[in-house]
Amino acid sequence: MVRVVVYSNQPILAMGLKSLIAGDPGLELNANCSSVAALKEHLANESPDLAVLDLTTEITPTVLDELQNLAPECKLILWANTIAGDFALQAMAIGVRGVLRKALPLEAHRQCLHRVYAGEFWFEKSLTDSFRASQRVPLSARESQLVSMVSRGLKNKEISRELGIAEGTVKVYLSRLFQKSGAKDRFELALQGAKNLSMAGISTQDPVGLRSLAIDPVCPSAIERGAAGIASRSDSVSVAGSKGWTPPRAAAVRGQANRP
C-alpha cells in the first residue's frame, strides 16, 4: 500500500485528489495538510511514501529542500496548473520526482503516483524539452552565494565581510564566474543572476540559492563552454504528452531516479 500525503490550501482540489486515492486499492491517504507548517510536522513524524504538493506561493526551493531533508525516503511530486521551466529544473535538482499537471485526466494522476513510487520521474515532454534547450552551467555553493550577492548590488568589500573571506578571494570567485557565465562585467553577471533567481522563484536572500545558471543567448562564449548540467538527465523520465496525456506504455522511459 502506497502511503500518500497531500498538501493543498484549496479544499475542493484536495477533495478531488483524496477521492482519487480512496478509489485506488494500491493507494492510501496518509494525511491531508492545508499548510506547509502542518506538512513539515507530518513529514517529521510520519513516513509517507509520496507527497503531492500543490504549487502554492509557499512552495519555494528552500521549502522543497527542507521537506526533502525532513523525509529523504518520501518522493515529492509538484501538482500545478503551469510551472516555469527554471523552477521545475531547480526542483528536480533538489530531489522532486515529478510535475503533475492538474488538467491531466484522473488516470494520468493515478499512473503518475504509481510510477513515481516505482522509482521513475514524471515530467511532461514539453517540460523536458525545455530542459534540453536550456544552456546551463553548474554552480558551487559559494558561487551561488556570490551570484545572489552580486544581484543584490553588494560590492566586493561587503561580500567579503558577509561571507568572512578575503576580498582577494572574492575577486578570484568573480573571475571564475565571469568565465563560466560569459558575462563581460559585474553588471551583466548581476542581470543574469537576477533573471535566473526571478525565473526560479528564489529570493536573493535565499540561503539555498541557484544550483545552476541558465546562460542568456547573448553570451555565446558561455554557450560554447556550457555544461550539460542537470538537464541531460531528462532522458530517464515518464512523460505525459504535451498535447494531452500519452498512454504510459508508449510514453514511459524506464530508469531509476537517482537523487542528484
Protein backbone atom coordinates (compact mmCIF):
# COMPACT_ATOMS: atom_id res chain seq x y z
CA MET A 1 0.00 0.00 0.00
CA VAL A 2 1.47 3.34 -1.08
CA ARG A 3 1.01 5.98 1.62
CA VAL A 4 0.31 9.44 0.17
CA VAL A 5 0.29 12.82 1.90
CA VAL A 6 -1.45 15.68 0.09
CA TYR A 7 -0.69 19.37 0.58
CA SER A 8 -3.13 21.96 -0.79
CA ASN A 9 -4.67 25.14 0.57
CA GLN A 10 -7.68 24.68 -1.73
CA PRO A 11 -10.16 22.26 -0.08
CA ILE A 12 -12.11 21.44 -3.26
CA LEU A 13 -8.95 20.46 -5.15
CA ALA A 14 -7.75 18.42 -2.19
CA MET A 15 -11.09 16.58 -2.05
CA GLY A 16 -10.75 15.55 -5.69
CA LEU A 17 -7.31 14.10 -5.09
CA LYS A 18 -8.47 12.39 -1.90
CA SER A 19 -11.32 10.79 -3.86
CA LEU A 20 -8.87 9.52 -6.49
CA ILE A 21 -6.63 7.98 -3.82
CA ALA A 22 -9.59 6.43 -2.00
CA GLY A 23 -10.71 4.74 -5.23
CA ASP A 24 -7.36 3.05 -5.82
CA PRO A 25 -6.74 -0.10 -3.74
CA GLY A 26 -2.99 0.39 -4.06
CA LEU A 27 -3.04 3.90 -2.56
CA GLU A 28 -3.74 5.13 0.95
CA LEU A 29 -4.23 8.74 2.09
CA ASN A 30 -1.72 9.23 4.89
CA ALA A 31 -2.64 12.86 5.61
CA ASN A 32 -4.19 15.95 4.04
CA CYS A 33 -2.31 19.12 5.04
CA SER A 34 -3.62 22.62 4.34
CA SER A 35 -0.43 24.46 5.37
CA VAL A 36 3.30 23.98 4.88
CA ALA A 37 3.78 24.04 8.65
CA ALA A 38 1.41 21.08 9.06
CA LEU A 39 3.12 19.28 6.18
CA LYS A 40 6.54 19.73 7.78
CA GLU A 41 5.25 18.42 11.09
CA HIS A 42 3.73 15.40 9.39
CA LEU A 43 6.89 14.56 7.44
CA ALA A 44 8.98 14.91 10.59
CA ASN A 45 6.82 12.41 12.49
CA GLU A 46 5.47 10.03 9.84
CA SER A 47 6.93 8.11 6.91
CA PRO A 48 4.73 8.60 3.82
CA ASP A 49 5.89 7.17 0.51
CA LEU A 50 4.69 10.07 -1.65
CA ALA A 51 3.92 13.75 -1.09
CA VAL A 52 1.76 15.54 -3.65
CA LEU A 53 2.38 19.27 -3.26
CA ASP A 54 0.04 21.89 -4.66
CA LEU A 55 2.33 24.55 -6.15
CA THR A 56 1.22 27.46 -3.97
CA THR A 57 3.29 30.56 -3.27
CA GLU A 58 4.54 28.86 -0.11
CA ILE A 59 6.32 26.15 -2.10
CA THR A 60 9.75 27.66 -2.77
CA PRO A 61 13.07 25.91 -3.48
CA THR A 62 14.05 26.47 0.16
CA VAL A 63 10.84 24.81 1.38
CA LEU A 64 11.31 21.90 -1.04
CA ASP A 65 14.84 21.41 0.25
CA GLU A 66 13.57 21.40 3.85
CA LEU A 67 10.83 18.89 3.01
CA GLN A 68 13.29 16.58 1.26
CA ASN A 69 15.63 16.71 4.25
CA LEU A 70 12.79 16.01 6.69
CA ALA A 71 11.76 12.87 4.80
CA PRO A 72 14.52 11.69 2.44
CA GLU A 73 12.64 8.50 1.52
CA CYS A 74 9.44 10.37 0.62
CA LYS A 75 9.16 11.09 -3.11
CA LEU A 76 7.92 14.62 -3.84
CA ILE A 77 5.55 15.46 -6.70
CA LEU A 78 4.61 19.04 -7.61
CA TRP A 79 0.94 19.47 -8.55
CA ALA A 80 0.46 22.52 -10.75
CA ASN A 81 -1.52 24.22 -13.49
CA THR A 82 1.66 25.65 -15.01
CA ILE A 83 5.29 25.80 -13.90
CA ALA A 84 8.31 27.77 -15.10
CA GLY A 85 10.97 25.57 -16.66
CA ASP A 86 13.72 27.00 -14.46
CA PHE A 87 11.69 26.39 -11.30
CA ALA A 88 10.99 22.82 -12.40
CA LEU A 89 14.67 22.23 -13.08
CA GLN A 90 15.59 23.68 -9.70
CA ALA A 91 13.02 21.42 -8.04
CA MET A 92 14.38 18.41 -9.91
CA ALA A 93 17.88 19.21 -8.67
CA ILE A 94 16.59 19.32 -5.10
CA GLY A 95 15.01 15.89 -5.47
CA VAL A 96 11.45 16.38 -6.74
CA ARG A 97 10.46 13.32 -8.78
CA GLY A 98 7.67 14.73 -10.90
CA VAL A 99 5.49 17.62 -12.01
CA LEU A 100 1.84 16.59 -12.34
CA ARG A 101 -0.37 18.96 -14.29
CA LYS A 102 -3.81 19.42 -12.72
CA ALA A 103 -5.53 19.42 -16.11
CA LEU A 104 -4.44 15.84 -16.90
CA PRO A 105 -7.07 13.06 -16.72
CA LEU A 106 -7.64 11.15 -13.47
CA GLU A 107 -6.00 8.06 -14.92
CA ALA A 108 -2.85 10.07 -15.61
CA HIS A 109 -2.87 11.24 -11.99
CA ARG A 110 -3.15 7.66 -10.79
CA GLN A 111 -0.39 6.46 -13.12
CA CYS A 112 1.89 9.29 -12.01
CA LEU A 113 1.60 8.29 -8.35
CA HIS A 114 2.30 4.63 -9.06
CA ARG A 115 5.19 5.29 -11.44
CA VAL A 116 6.95 7.80 -9.18
CA TYR A 117 6.58 5.37 -6.28
CA ALA A 118 8.16 2.70 -8.52
CA GLY A 119 11.24 4.90 -8.97
CA GLU A 120 10.55 6.80 -12.19
CA PHE A 121 10.48 10.52 -12.90
CA TRP A 122 7.27 12.10 -14.23
CA PHE A 123 7.75 15.25 -16.32
CA GLU A 124 5.81 16.25 -19.43
CA LYS A 125 7.72 16.14 -22.70
CA SER A 126 7.29 19.87 -23.30
CA LEU A 127 8.98 20.49 -19.95
CA THR A 128 11.88 18.09 -20.54
CA ASP A 129 12.39 19.61 -24.00
CA SER A 130 12.80 22.99 -22.34
CA PHE A 131 15.42 21.42 -20.04
CA ARG A 132 17.41 20.21 -23.04
CA ALA A 133 17.14 23.56 -24.81
CA SER A 134 18.44 25.47 -21.81
CA GLN A 135 22.20 26.08 -21.76
CA ARG A 136 23.28 25.87 -18.11
CA VAL A 137 26.45 25.86 -16.07
CA PRO A 138 26.56 24.28 -12.60
CA LEU A 139 27.35 26.48 -9.59
CA SER A 140 29.14 25.53 -6.40
CA ALA A 141 27.54 26.60 -3.12
CA ARG A 142 30.00 29.51 -2.83
CA GLU A 143 29.45 30.60 -6.44
CA SER A 144 25.71 30.53 -5.84
CA GLN A 145 26.15 32.83 -2.83
CA LEU A 146 28.21 35.26 -4.89
CA VAL A 147 25.69 35.35 -7.74
CA SER A 148 22.93 36.21 -5.24
CA MET A 149 25.04 38.90 -3.57
CA VAL A 150 26.13 40.49 -6.84
CA SER A 151 22.45 40.51 -7.86
CA ARG A 152 21.71 42.38 -4.64
CA GLY A 153 24.25 45.03 -5.66
CA LEU A 154 26.84 44.26 -2.99
CA LYS A 155 30.43 45.39 -3.50
CA ASN A 156 33.45 43.11 -3.06
CA LYS A 157 34.20 44.51 0.40
CA GLU A 158 30.60 43.91 1.52
CA ILE A 159 30.64 40.36 0.11
CA SER A 160 33.94 39.54 1.83
CA ARG A 161 32.61 40.84 5.13
CA GLU A 162 29.32 38.93 4.85
CA LEU A 163 31.00 35.65 3.86
CA GLY A 164 34.01 36.02 6.14
CA ILE A 165 36.55 35.62 3.32
CA ALA A 166 39.30 37.85 1.96
CA GLU A 167 38.42 40.46 -0.64
CA GLY A 168 41.04 38.92 -2.94
CA THR A 169 39.21 35.57 -2.70
CA VAL A 170 36.00 37.30 -3.75
CA LYS A 171 37.78 38.64 -6.85
CA VAL A 172 39.03 35.14 -7.72
CA TYR A 173 35.50 33.72 -7.44
CA LEU A 174 34.06 36.53 -9.55
CA SER A 175 36.70 35.99 -12.22
CA ARG A 176 35.68 32.32 -12.43
CA LEU A 177 32.01 33.29 -12.60
CA PHE A 178 32.68 35.72 -15.47
CA GLN A 179 34.42 32.90 -17.35
CA LYS A 180 31.68 30.37 -16.60
CA SER A 181 28.75 32.63 -17.43
CA GLY A 182 30.32 34.54 -20.31
CA ALA A 183 29.36 37.79 -18.57
CA LYS A 184 31.56 40.68 -19.68
CA ASP A 185 31.36 42.51 -16.38
CA ARG A 186 29.79 42.65 -12.93
CA PHE A 187 26.65 44.37 -14.22
CA GLU A 188 25.98 41.63 -16.80
CA LEU A 189 26.53 38.92 -14.16
CA ALA A 190 24.10 40.71 -11.85
CA LEU A 191 21.49 40.80 -14.64
CA GLN A 192 21.94 37.09 -15.37
CA GLY A 193 21.71 36.25 -11.68
CA ALA A 194 18.60 38.38 -11.12
CA LYS A 195 16.88 36.83 -14.15
CA ASN A 196 17.69 33.28 -13.05
CA LEU A 197 16.62 33.92 -9.47
CA SER A 198 13.35 35.50 -10.61
CA MET A 199 12.51 32.67 -13.05
CA ALA A 200 13.25 30.08 -10.36
CA GLY A 201 11.15 31.94 -7.78
CA ILE A 202 14.15 32.38 -5.47
CA SER A 203 14.83 35.45 -3.35
CA THR A 204 18.33 36.99 -3.39
CA GLN A 205 18.27 36.41 0.37
CA ASP A 206 17.54 32.69 0.00
CA PRO A 207 20.34 30.64 1.62
CA VAL A 208 19.95 27.78 -0.89
CA GLY A 209 20.28 29.98 -3.98
CA LEU A 210 20.80 28.70 -7.51
CA ARG A 211 22.36 25.33 -8.27
CA SER A 212 22.99 26.21 -11.88
CA LEU A 213 22.90 29.26 -14.10
CA ALA A 214 20.89 29.44 -17.33
CA ILE A 215 23.00 31.27 -19.89
CA ASP A 216 21.45 34.06 -21.90
CA PRO A 217 21.91 33.57 -25.67
CA VAL A 218 23.68 36.97 -25.77
CA CYS A 219 26.68 35.23 -24.16
CA PRO A 220 27.94 32.91 -26.96
CA SER A 221 31.27 32.25 -25.25
CA ALA A 222 29.46 30.75 -22.29
CA ILE A 223 27.25 28.63 -24.53
CA GLU A 224 30.34 27.15 -26.15
CA ARG A 225 31.66 26.22 -22.70
CA GLY A 226 28.24 25.40 -21.25
CA ALA A 227 27.99 22.27 -19.15
CA ALA A 228 25.19 19.82 -19.94
CA GLY A 229 24.19 20.00 -16.26
CA ILE A 230 21.09 18.58 -14.74
CA ALA A 231 19.02 18.90 -17.90
CA SER A 232 20.82 15.97 -19.51
CA ARG A 233 19.13 13.65 -17.02
CA SER A 234 15.72 14.29 -18.53
CA ASP A 235 16.02 11.22 -20.78
CA SER A 236 15.04 8.96 -17.85
CA VAL A 237 11.50 10.11 -17.22
CA SER A 238 7.91 9.04 -17.54
CA VAL A 239 6.48 11.58 -19.93
CA ALA A 240 2.94 12.88 -20.27
CA GLY A 241 2.47 14.23 -23.80
CA SER A 242 2.43 17.98 -24.26
CA LYS A 243 -0.90 17.82 -26.14
CA GLY A 244 -2.70 15.72 -23.58
CA TRP A 245 -1.84 12.55 -21.77
CA THR A 246 0.12 9.91 -23.66
CA PRO A 247 -0.62 6.32 -22.51
CA PRO A 248 2.10 5.13 -20.09
CA ARG A 249 3.23 2.17 -22.23
CA ALA A 250 4.01 4.45 -25.14
CA ALA A 251 5.41 7.35 -23.15
CA ALA A 252 7.36 5.88 -20.26
CA VAL A 253 11.11 5.66 -20.42
CA ARG A 254 12.02 3.47 -17.51
CA GLY A 255 15.00 4.25 -15.32
CA GLN A 256 15.83 4.63 -11.65
CA ALA A 257 15.55 8.17 -10.37
CA ASN A 258 18.87 8.73 -8.65
CA ARG A 259 18.86 11.78 -6.44
CA PRO A 260 21.37 14.39 -7.61
